[in-house]
N, C-alpha and C. Protein backbone atom coordinates (compact mmCIF):
# COMPACT_ATOMS: atom_id res chain seq x y z
N MET A 1 29.70 -144.23 17.90
CA MET A 1 30.88 -144.67 18.62
C MET A 1 32.04 -144.68 17.63
N ILE A 2 33.18 -144.17 18.06
CA ILE A 2 34.38 -144.15 17.23
C ILE A 2 35.41 -145.09 17.87
N ILE A 3 35.98 -145.97 17.02
CA ILE A 3 37.04 -146.86 17.52
C ILE A 3 38.26 -146.72 16.61
N GLU A 4 39.42 -146.94 17.18
CA GLU A 4 40.67 -146.92 16.44
C GLU A 4 41.03 -148.36 16.12
N THR A 5 41.13 -148.69 14.83
CA THR A 5 41.43 -150.07 14.44
C THR A 5 42.82 -150.15 13.83
N ALA A 6 43.39 -151.33 13.90
CA ALA A 6 44.72 -151.56 13.32
C ALA A 6 44.67 -151.54 11.80
N ARG A 7 43.62 -152.09 11.23
CA ARG A 7 43.53 -152.24 9.78
C ARG A 7 42.95 -151.02 9.07
N PHE A 8 41.94 -150.36 9.68
CA PHE A 8 41.20 -149.30 9.00
C PHE A 8 41.41 -147.91 9.58
N GLY A 9 42.21 -147.82 10.65
CA GLY A 9 42.38 -146.53 11.32
C GLY A 9 41.13 -146.23 12.14
N GLU A 10 40.82 -144.96 12.26
CA GLU A 10 39.66 -144.54 13.05
C GLU A 10 38.39 -144.71 12.23
N ILE A 11 37.41 -145.41 12.82
CA ILE A 11 36.13 -145.60 12.14
C ILE A 11 34.98 -145.31 13.10
N GLU A 12 33.90 -144.88 12.52
CA GLU A 12 32.69 -144.61 13.30
C GLU A 12 31.70 -145.74 13.07
N ILE A 13 31.15 -146.23 14.16
CA ILE A 13 30.20 -147.34 14.10
C ILE A 13 28.93 -146.92 14.83
N GLU A 14 27.82 -147.04 14.16
CA GLU A 14 26.53 -146.75 14.79
C GLU A 14 26.21 -147.88 15.78
N GLU A 15 25.79 -147.51 16.97
CA GLU A 15 25.47 -148.50 18.01
C GLU A 15 24.47 -149.55 17.51
N ASN A 16 23.49 -149.12 16.71
CA ASN A 16 22.45 -150.05 16.23
C ASN A 16 22.96 -150.99 15.13
N ASN A 17 24.21 -150.82 14.68
CA ASN A 17 24.80 -151.71 13.68
C ASN A 17 25.77 -152.72 14.29
N ILE A 18 25.93 -152.69 15.61
CA ILE A 18 26.84 -153.62 16.25
C ILE A 18 26.19 -155.00 16.33
N ILE A 19 26.93 -156.00 15.87
CA ILE A 19 26.45 -157.39 15.87
C ILE A 19 26.94 -158.05 17.15
N GLU A 20 26.03 -158.68 17.87
CA GLU A 20 26.35 -159.36 19.13
C GLU A 20 26.45 -160.86 18.89
N PHE A 21 27.61 -161.42 19.22
CA PHE A 21 27.78 -162.88 19.18
C PHE A 21 27.47 -163.42 20.56
N CYS A 22 26.54 -164.39 20.64
CA CYS A 22 26.12 -164.90 21.95
C CYS A 22 27.26 -165.57 22.70
N SER A 23 28.23 -166.14 22.00
CA SER A 23 29.35 -166.78 22.70
C SER A 23 30.69 -166.52 22.02
N GLY A 24 30.82 -165.41 21.35
CA GLY A 24 32.07 -165.08 20.68
C GLY A 24 32.34 -166.00 19.50
N LEU A 25 33.50 -165.85 18.93
CA LEU A 25 33.93 -166.72 17.83
C LEU A 25 34.83 -167.81 18.39
N ILE A 26 34.93 -168.91 17.68
CA ILE A 26 35.79 -170.01 18.11
C ILE A 26 37.22 -169.48 18.23
N ALA A 27 37.81 -169.72 19.39
CA ALA A 27 39.16 -169.25 19.76
C ALA A 27 39.19 -167.76 20.10
N PHE A 28 38.07 -167.08 19.99
CA PHE A 28 37.95 -165.67 20.37
C PHE A 28 36.67 -165.49 21.18
N GLU A 29 36.43 -166.38 22.12
CA GLU A 29 35.18 -166.40 22.86
C GLU A 29 34.93 -165.12 23.66
N ASP A 30 36.01 -164.41 24.02
CA ASP A 30 35.85 -163.18 24.80
C ASP A 30 35.43 -161.98 23.94
N LEU A 31 35.46 -162.14 22.63
CA LEU A 31 35.05 -161.05 21.73
C LEU A 31 33.62 -161.30 21.27
N THR A 32 32.71 -160.42 21.64
CA THR A 32 31.29 -160.66 21.33
C THR A 32 30.64 -159.55 20.51
N ARG A 33 31.32 -158.42 20.36
CA ARG A 33 30.71 -157.30 19.62
C ARG A 33 31.55 -156.99 18.38
N PHE A 34 30.86 -156.97 17.23
CA PHE A 34 31.53 -156.77 15.95
C PHE A 34 30.73 -155.84 15.05
N ALA A 35 31.41 -155.29 14.07
CA ALA A 35 30.76 -154.53 13.00
C ALA A 35 31.13 -155.20 11.68
N LEU A 36 30.20 -155.20 10.76
CA LEU A 36 30.39 -155.81 9.45
C LEU A 36 30.54 -154.70 8.41
N PHE A 37 31.62 -154.77 7.62
CA PHE A 37 31.89 -153.74 6.62
C PHE A 37 31.95 -154.35 5.23
N ASP A 38 31.34 -153.66 4.28
CA ASP A 38 31.41 -154.07 2.88
C ASP A 38 32.80 -153.82 2.33
N ILE A 39 33.14 -154.59 1.32
CA ILE A 39 34.36 -154.36 0.54
C ILE A 39 33.86 -153.97 -0.85
N SER A 40 34.03 -152.71 -1.19
CA SER A 40 33.42 -152.19 -2.42
C SER A 40 33.93 -152.88 -3.68
N GLU A 41 35.15 -153.39 -3.64
CA GLU A 41 35.72 -154.04 -4.84
C GLU A 41 35.11 -155.41 -5.11
N ASN A 42 34.49 -156.03 -4.11
CA ASN A 42 33.93 -157.36 -4.29
C ASN A 42 32.85 -157.61 -3.24
N ALA A 43 31.60 -157.64 -3.67
CA ALA A 43 30.46 -157.79 -2.77
C ALA A 43 30.41 -159.16 -2.08
N ASN A 44 31.18 -160.14 -2.56
CA ASN A 44 31.19 -161.46 -1.93
C ASN A 44 31.97 -161.48 -0.61
N PHE A 45 32.79 -160.44 -0.40
CA PHE A 45 33.63 -160.37 0.79
C PHE A 45 33.16 -159.27 1.74
N LYS A 46 33.41 -159.46 3.04
CA LYS A 46 33.12 -158.47 4.07
C LYS A 46 34.26 -158.50 5.08
N TRP A 47 34.37 -157.42 5.86
CA TRP A 47 35.26 -157.40 7.01
C TRP A 47 34.39 -157.47 8.26
N LEU A 48 34.78 -158.32 9.20
CA LEU A 48 34.13 -158.42 10.51
C LEU A 48 35.12 -157.84 11.51
N GLN A 49 34.84 -156.63 11.97
CA GLN A 49 35.75 -155.88 12.84
C GLN A 49 35.28 -155.98 14.29
N SER A 50 36.19 -156.41 15.16
CA SER A 50 35.87 -156.48 16.58
C SER A 50 35.76 -155.08 17.16
N ILE A 51 34.74 -154.88 17.99
CA ILE A 51 34.57 -153.63 18.72
C ILE A 51 35.38 -153.71 20.02
N ASP A 52 35.40 -154.90 20.63
CA ASP A 52 36.04 -155.10 21.92
C ASP A 52 37.57 -155.08 21.84
N LYS A 53 38.11 -155.50 20.71
CA LYS A 53 39.56 -155.56 20.53
C LYS A 53 39.86 -155.07 19.11
N PRO A 54 40.02 -153.76 18.94
CA PRO A 54 40.10 -153.16 17.61
C PRO A 54 41.21 -153.67 16.70
N GLN A 55 42.21 -154.37 17.23
CA GLN A 55 43.25 -154.92 16.35
C GLN A 55 42.81 -156.23 15.69
N VAL A 56 41.61 -156.73 16.03
CA VAL A 56 41.13 -158.00 15.48
C VAL A 56 40.06 -157.74 14.42
N ALA A 57 40.31 -158.24 13.22
CA ALA A 57 39.34 -158.17 12.12
C ALA A 57 39.47 -159.46 11.31
N PHE A 58 38.36 -159.93 10.81
CA PHE A 58 38.33 -161.17 10.02
C PHE A 58 37.79 -160.87 8.63
N LEU A 59 38.45 -161.43 7.63
CA LEU A 59 37.93 -161.36 6.27
C LEU A 59 36.92 -162.48 6.13
N LEU A 60 35.73 -162.15 5.62
CA LEU A 60 34.67 -163.14 5.44
C LEU A 60 34.30 -163.23 3.97
N VAL A 61 33.72 -164.37 3.61
CA VAL A 61 33.24 -164.56 2.24
C VAL A 61 31.87 -165.24 2.29
N ASP A 62 31.08 -164.98 1.29
CA ASP A 62 29.81 -165.67 1.12
C ASP A 62 30.15 -167.07 0.60
N PRO A 63 29.96 -168.13 1.41
CA PRO A 63 30.42 -169.46 1.01
C PRO A 63 29.65 -170.05 -0.18
N PHE A 64 28.46 -169.54 -0.44
CA PHE A 64 27.67 -170.06 -1.54
C PHE A 64 28.23 -169.64 -2.90
N THR A 65 29.09 -168.62 -2.91
CA THR A 65 29.76 -168.22 -4.15
C THR A 65 31.00 -169.06 -4.40
N ILE A 66 31.47 -169.75 -3.36
CA ILE A 66 32.67 -170.57 -3.45
C ILE A 66 32.32 -172.02 -3.75
N LYS A 67 31.26 -172.49 -3.11
CA LYS A 67 30.87 -173.91 -3.22
C LYS A 67 29.34 -173.96 -3.39
N GLN A 68 28.90 -174.20 -4.59
CA GLN A 68 27.47 -174.13 -4.91
C GLN A 68 26.60 -175.09 -4.10
N ASP A 69 27.14 -176.26 -3.70
CA ASP A 69 26.33 -177.22 -2.96
C ASP A 69 26.48 -177.09 -1.45
N TYR A 70 27.07 -176.00 -1.00
CA TYR A 70 27.24 -175.76 0.44
C TYR A 70 25.88 -175.47 1.07
N TYR A 71 25.68 -175.96 2.26
CA TYR A 71 24.45 -175.63 2.99
C TYR A 71 24.70 -175.69 4.49
N VAL A 72 23.84 -175.00 5.22
CA VAL A 72 23.92 -174.93 6.67
C VAL A 72 22.54 -175.26 7.21
N ASP A 73 22.49 -176.16 8.19
CA ASP A 73 21.22 -176.47 8.85
C ASP A 73 20.99 -175.49 9.99
N LEU A 74 19.85 -174.85 10.00
CA LEU A 74 19.49 -173.93 11.07
C LEU A 74 18.52 -174.67 12.00
N SER A 75 19.05 -175.14 13.12
CA SER A 75 18.21 -175.87 14.07
C SER A 75 17.21 -174.92 14.72
N ASP A 76 16.14 -175.49 15.27
CA ASP A 76 15.15 -174.68 15.98
C ASP A 76 15.79 -173.95 17.15
N GLU A 77 16.70 -174.64 17.85
CA GLU A 77 17.39 -174.05 19.00
C GLU A 77 18.23 -172.84 18.58
N LEU A 78 18.95 -172.97 17.49
CA LEU A 78 19.77 -171.87 17.00
C LEU A 78 18.89 -170.72 16.49
N ALA A 79 17.82 -171.06 15.79
CA ALA A 79 16.90 -170.04 15.29
C ALA A 79 16.32 -169.24 16.45
N GLU A 80 16.00 -169.93 17.53
CA GLU A 80 15.47 -169.26 18.72
C GLU A 80 16.53 -168.36 19.35
N LYS A 81 17.75 -168.85 19.46
CA LYS A 81 18.85 -168.09 20.06
C LYS A 81 19.15 -166.82 19.27
N LEU A 82 19.06 -166.92 17.94
CA LEU A 82 19.33 -165.77 17.08
C LEU A 82 18.07 -164.94 16.80
N GLU A 83 16.95 -165.37 17.36
CA GLU A 83 15.65 -164.69 17.18
C GLU A 83 15.26 -164.60 15.70
N VAL A 84 15.44 -165.70 14.99
CA VAL A 84 15.12 -165.76 13.57
C VAL A 84 13.63 -166.05 13.41
N LEU A 85 12.95 -165.18 12.66
CA LEU A 85 11.53 -165.38 12.39
C LEU A 85 11.30 -166.04 11.03
N ILE A 86 12.13 -165.65 10.05
CA ILE A 86 12.06 -166.23 8.72
C ILE A 86 13.48 -166.51 8.23
N PRO A 87 13.66 -167.54 7.41
CA PRO A 87 15.02 -167.89 6.96
C PRO A 87 15.77 -166.74 6.28
N GLU A 88 15.06 -165.84 5.64
CA GLU A 88 15.69 -164.71 4.95
C GLU A 88 16.36 -163.72 5.91
N ASP A 89 16.09 -163.87 7.21
CA ASP A 89 16.75 -163.02 8.21
C ASP A 89 18.22 -163.40 8.41
N VAL A 90 18.60 -164.59 7.95
CA VAL A 90 19.94 -165.11 8.23
C VAL A 90 20.85 -164.96 7.02
N ILE A 91 22.04 -164.43 7.28
CA ILE A 91 23.09 -164.44 6.28
C ILE A 91 24.22 -165.30 6.81
N VAL A 92 24.93 -165.95 5.92
CA VAL A 92 25.98 -166.88 6.29
C VAL A 92 27.29 -166.43 5.66
N TYR A 93 28.35 -166.44 6.47
CA TYR A 93 29.69 -166.15 5.99
C TYR A 93 30.65 -167.20 6.54
N THR A 94 31.78 -167.33 5.88
CA THR A 94 32.86 -168.16 6.40
C THR A 94 34.12 -167.30 6.44
N THR A 95 35.01 -167.64 7.37
CA THR A 95 36.24 -166.87 7.52
C THR A 95 37.25 -167.26 6.44
N VAL A 96 38.05 -166.29 6.04
CA VAL A 96 39.05 -166.48 5.00
C VAL A 96 40.44 -166.37 5.62
N THR A 97 41.33 -167.25 5.19
CA THR A 97 42.73 -167.18 5.57
C THR A 97 43.55 -166.93 4.31
N VAL A 98 44.34 -165.85 4.35
CA VAL A 98 45.22 -165.54 3.24
C VAL A 98 46.65 -165.79 3.72
N PRO A 99 47.30 -166.83 3.19
CA PRO A 99 48.67 -167.15 3.64
C PRO A 99 49.69 -166.15 3.09
N LYS A 100 50.91 -166.25 3.57
CA LYS A 100 51.98 -165.36 3.12
C LYS A 100 52.21 -165.46 1.62
N SER A 101 51.88 -166.62 1.03
CA SER A 101 52.09 -166.80 -0.41
C SER A 101 51.10 -166.00 -1.26
N GLY A 102 50.07 -165.43 -0.62
CA GLY A 102 49.16 -164.55 -1.34
C GLY A 102 47.75 -165.09 -1.51
N PHE A 103 46.91 -164.23 -2.09
CA PHE A 103 45.49 -164.52 -2.24
C PHE A 103 45.22 -165.73 -3.13
N LYS A 104 46.13 -166.03 -4.03
CA LYS A 104 45.94 -167.19 -4.92
C LYS A 104 45.83 -168.49 -4.14
N ASP A 105 46.37 -168.51 -2.90
CA ASP A 105 46.34 -169.70 -2.05
C ASP A 105 45.38 -169.54 -0.87
N ALA A 106 44.51 -168.55 -0.93
CA ALA A 106 43.58 -168.30 0.17
C ALA A 106 42.58 -169.45 0.31
N THR A 107 42.15 -169.66 1.56
CA THR A 107 41.18 -170.71 1.86
C THR A 107 40.06 -170.14 2.72
N THR A 108 38.96 -170.88 2.80
CA THR A 108 37.87 -170.50 3.69
C THR A 108 37.46 -171.71 4.52
N ASN A 109 36.97 -171.43 5.71
CA ASN A 109 36.62 -172.48 6.67
C ASN A 109 35.14 -172.83 6.54
N LEU A 110 34.84 -173.88 5.80
CA LEU A 110 33.45 -174.30 5.60
C LEU A 110 32.90 -175.05 6.82
N VAL A 111 33.76 -175.47 7.73
CA VAL A 111 33.33 -176.21 8.92
C VAL A 111 32.78 -175.25 9.99
N GLY A 112 33.27 -174.02 10.01
CA GLY A 112 32.88 -173.07 11.06
C GLY A 112 32.18 -171.83 10.53
N PRO A 113 31.01 -171.98 9.89
CA PRO A 113 30.33 -170.80 9.35
C PRO A 113 29.82 -169.87 10.44
N ILE A 114 29.65 -168.63 10.07
CA ILE A 114 29.10 -167.60 10.95
C ILE A 114 27.70 -167.27 10.43
N LEU A 115 26.72 -167.40 11.31
CA LEU A 115 25.34 -167.09 10.96
C LEU A 115 24.96 -165.79 11.64
N ILE A 116 24.40 -164.87 10.87
CA ILE A 116 24.03 -163.55 11.40
C ILE A 116 22.56 -163.28 11.09
N ASN A 117 21.80 -162.98 12.13
CA ASN A 117 20.45 -162.46 11.92
C ASN A 117 20.63 -160.97 11.70
N TRP A 118 20.57 -160.55 10.45
CA TRP A 118 20.88 -159.16 10.10
C TRP A 118 19.82 -158.18 10.61
N ARG A 119 18.61 -158.65 10.86
CA ARG A 119 17.57 -157.76 11.40
C ARG A 119 17.80 -157.49 12.89
N LYS A 120 18.11 -158.53 13.65
CA LYS A 120 18.28 -158.42 15.10
C LYS A 120 19.71 -158.15 15.51
N LYS A 121 20.66 -158.27 14.57
CA LYS A 121 22.09 -158.06 14.84
C LYS A 121 22.61 -159.05 15.88
N LYS A 122 22.17 -160.30 15.74
CA LYS A 122 22.64 -161.38 16.61
C LYS A 122 23.35 -162.40 15.73
N ALA A 123 24.42 -163.00 16.27
CA ALA A 123 25.21 -163.91 15.45
C ALA A 123 25.78 -165.05 16.29
N LYS A 124 26.17 -166.10 15.58
CA LYS A 124 26.81 -167.25 16.22
C LYS A 124 27.64 -167.97 15.18
N GLN A 125 28.82 -168.40 15.60
CA GLN A 125 29.63 -169.29 14.77
C GLN A 125 29.29 -170.70 15.20
N ILE A 126 29.05 -171.57 14.23
CA ILE A 126 28.67 -172.95 14.54
C ILE A 126 29.68 -173.90 13.91
N ILE A 127 29.58 -175.16 14.29
CA ILE A 127 30.38 -176.22 13.68
C ILE A 127 29.45 -176.98 12.74
N CYS A 128 29.88 -177.13 11.51
CA CYS A 128 29.07 -177.74 10.46
C CYS A 128 29.91 -178.81 9.77
N GLU A 129 30.09 -179.93 10.46
CA GLU A 129 30.95 -180.99 9.93
C GLU A 129 30.18 -181.89 8.97
N ARG A 130 30.68 -181.96 7.77
CA ARG A 130 30.16 -182.86 6.75
C ARG A 130 31.35 -183.41 5.97
N GLU A 131 31.14 -184.50 5.32
CA GLU A 131 32.23 -185.15 4.58
C GLU A 131 32.91 -184.22 3.59
N ASN A 132 32.15 -183.38 2.89
CA ASN A 132 32.74 -182.52 1.86
C ASN A 132 33.04 -181.10 2.34
N ASN A 133 32.89 -180.83 3.63
CA ASN A 133 33.28 -179.52 4.18
C ASN A 133 34.71 -179.61 4.68
N LEU A 134 35.49 -178.60 4.34
CA LEU A 134 36.88 -178.56 4.75
C LEU A 134 37.14 -177.30 5.57
N ILE A 135 38.09 -177.39 6.49
CA ILE A 135 38.51 -176.20 7.24
C ILE A 135 39.29 -175.27 6.32
N LYS A 136 40.01 -175.86 5.36
CA LYS A 136 40.81 -175.05 4.42
C LYS A 136 40.36 -175.35 2.99
N TYR A 137 39.17 -174.86 2.65
CA TYR A 137 38.64 -175.04 1.30
C TYR A 137 39.20 -173.91 0.41
N PRO A 138 39.82 -174.26 -0.72
CA PRO A 138 40.44 -173.24 -1.58
C PRO A 138 39.41 -172.24 -2.11
N LEU A 139 39.69 -170.96 -1.94
CA LEU A 139 38.78 -169.93 -2.46
C LEU A 139 38.70 -169.99 -3.97
N LEU A 140 39.80 -170.26 -4.59
CA LEU A 140 39.82 -170.23 -6.06
C LEU A 140 39.48 -171.57 -6.68
N ALA A 141 38.82 -172.44 -5.90
CA ALA A 141 38.31 -173.69 -6.47
C ALA A 141 37.25 -173.35 -7.51
N ASN A 142 36.57 -172.23 -7.29
CA ASN A 142 35.60 -171.72 -8.26
C ASN A 142 36.36 -170.78 -9.19
N LYS A 143 36.58 -171.19 -10.42
CA LYS A 143 37.41 -170.41 -11.33
C LYS A 143 36.83 -169.06 -11.67
N TYR A 144 35.57 -168.81 -11.33
CA TYR A 144 34.95 -167.54 -11.63
C TYR A 144 35.07 -166.54 -10.48
N MET A 145 35.66 -166.96 -9.38
CA MET A 145 35.81 -166.07 -8.22
C MET A 145 36.80 -164.97 -8.56
N LYS A 146 36.41 -163.74 -8.34
CA LYS A 146 37.26 -162.59 -8.62
C LYS A 146 38.35 -162.48 -7.56
N LEU A 147 39.57 -162.19 -7.97
CA LEU A 147 40.70 -162.15 -7.07
C LEU A 147 40.72 -160.94 -6.13
N SER A 148 40.16 -159.83 -6.54
CA SER A 148 40.26 -158.62 -5.72
C SER A 148 39.44 -158.74 -4.45
N TYR A 149 40.05 -158.41 -3.30
CA TYR A 149 39.32 -158.42 -2.05
C TYR A 149 39.54 -157.16 -1.22
N GLY A 150 40.30 -156.24 -1.69
CA GLY A 150 40.46 -154.95 -1.04
C GLY A 150 41.36 -154.93 0.17
N GLY A 151 42.17 -155.94 0.39
CA GLY A 151 43.02 -155.94 1.58
C GLY A 151 44.36 -156.30 1.29
């Protein structure tokens, strides 16, 4: 399948690589089909490109590289919904916001992680409220985080 995107131009996506969100993303509930793209300059970041609305793409980061004590509870109900057989089937990302002031002030949403069963291509964004989780957690709180993100 070929789609025309605002950020990447024309891209080809294999049908078997499309990730299905059971209820869309928070505030984007009508968007349920996405593709995940690597960023070659930094393996900690990915692009989540909407198939349903090609002008929508989200920058994601591996939250465990930002906050070492971060964790997500995978309930039995969620594991069943995502068809998770073993914990290693799940990858976790958080969305990144880059303000007009630039990447030095970028934040990630630790409250709303995205869980993806990479084997089954099923995903869900959940709410993970904890005292030390922030909606706008600074990306560069970890001084070892590389600045390049390819966008």
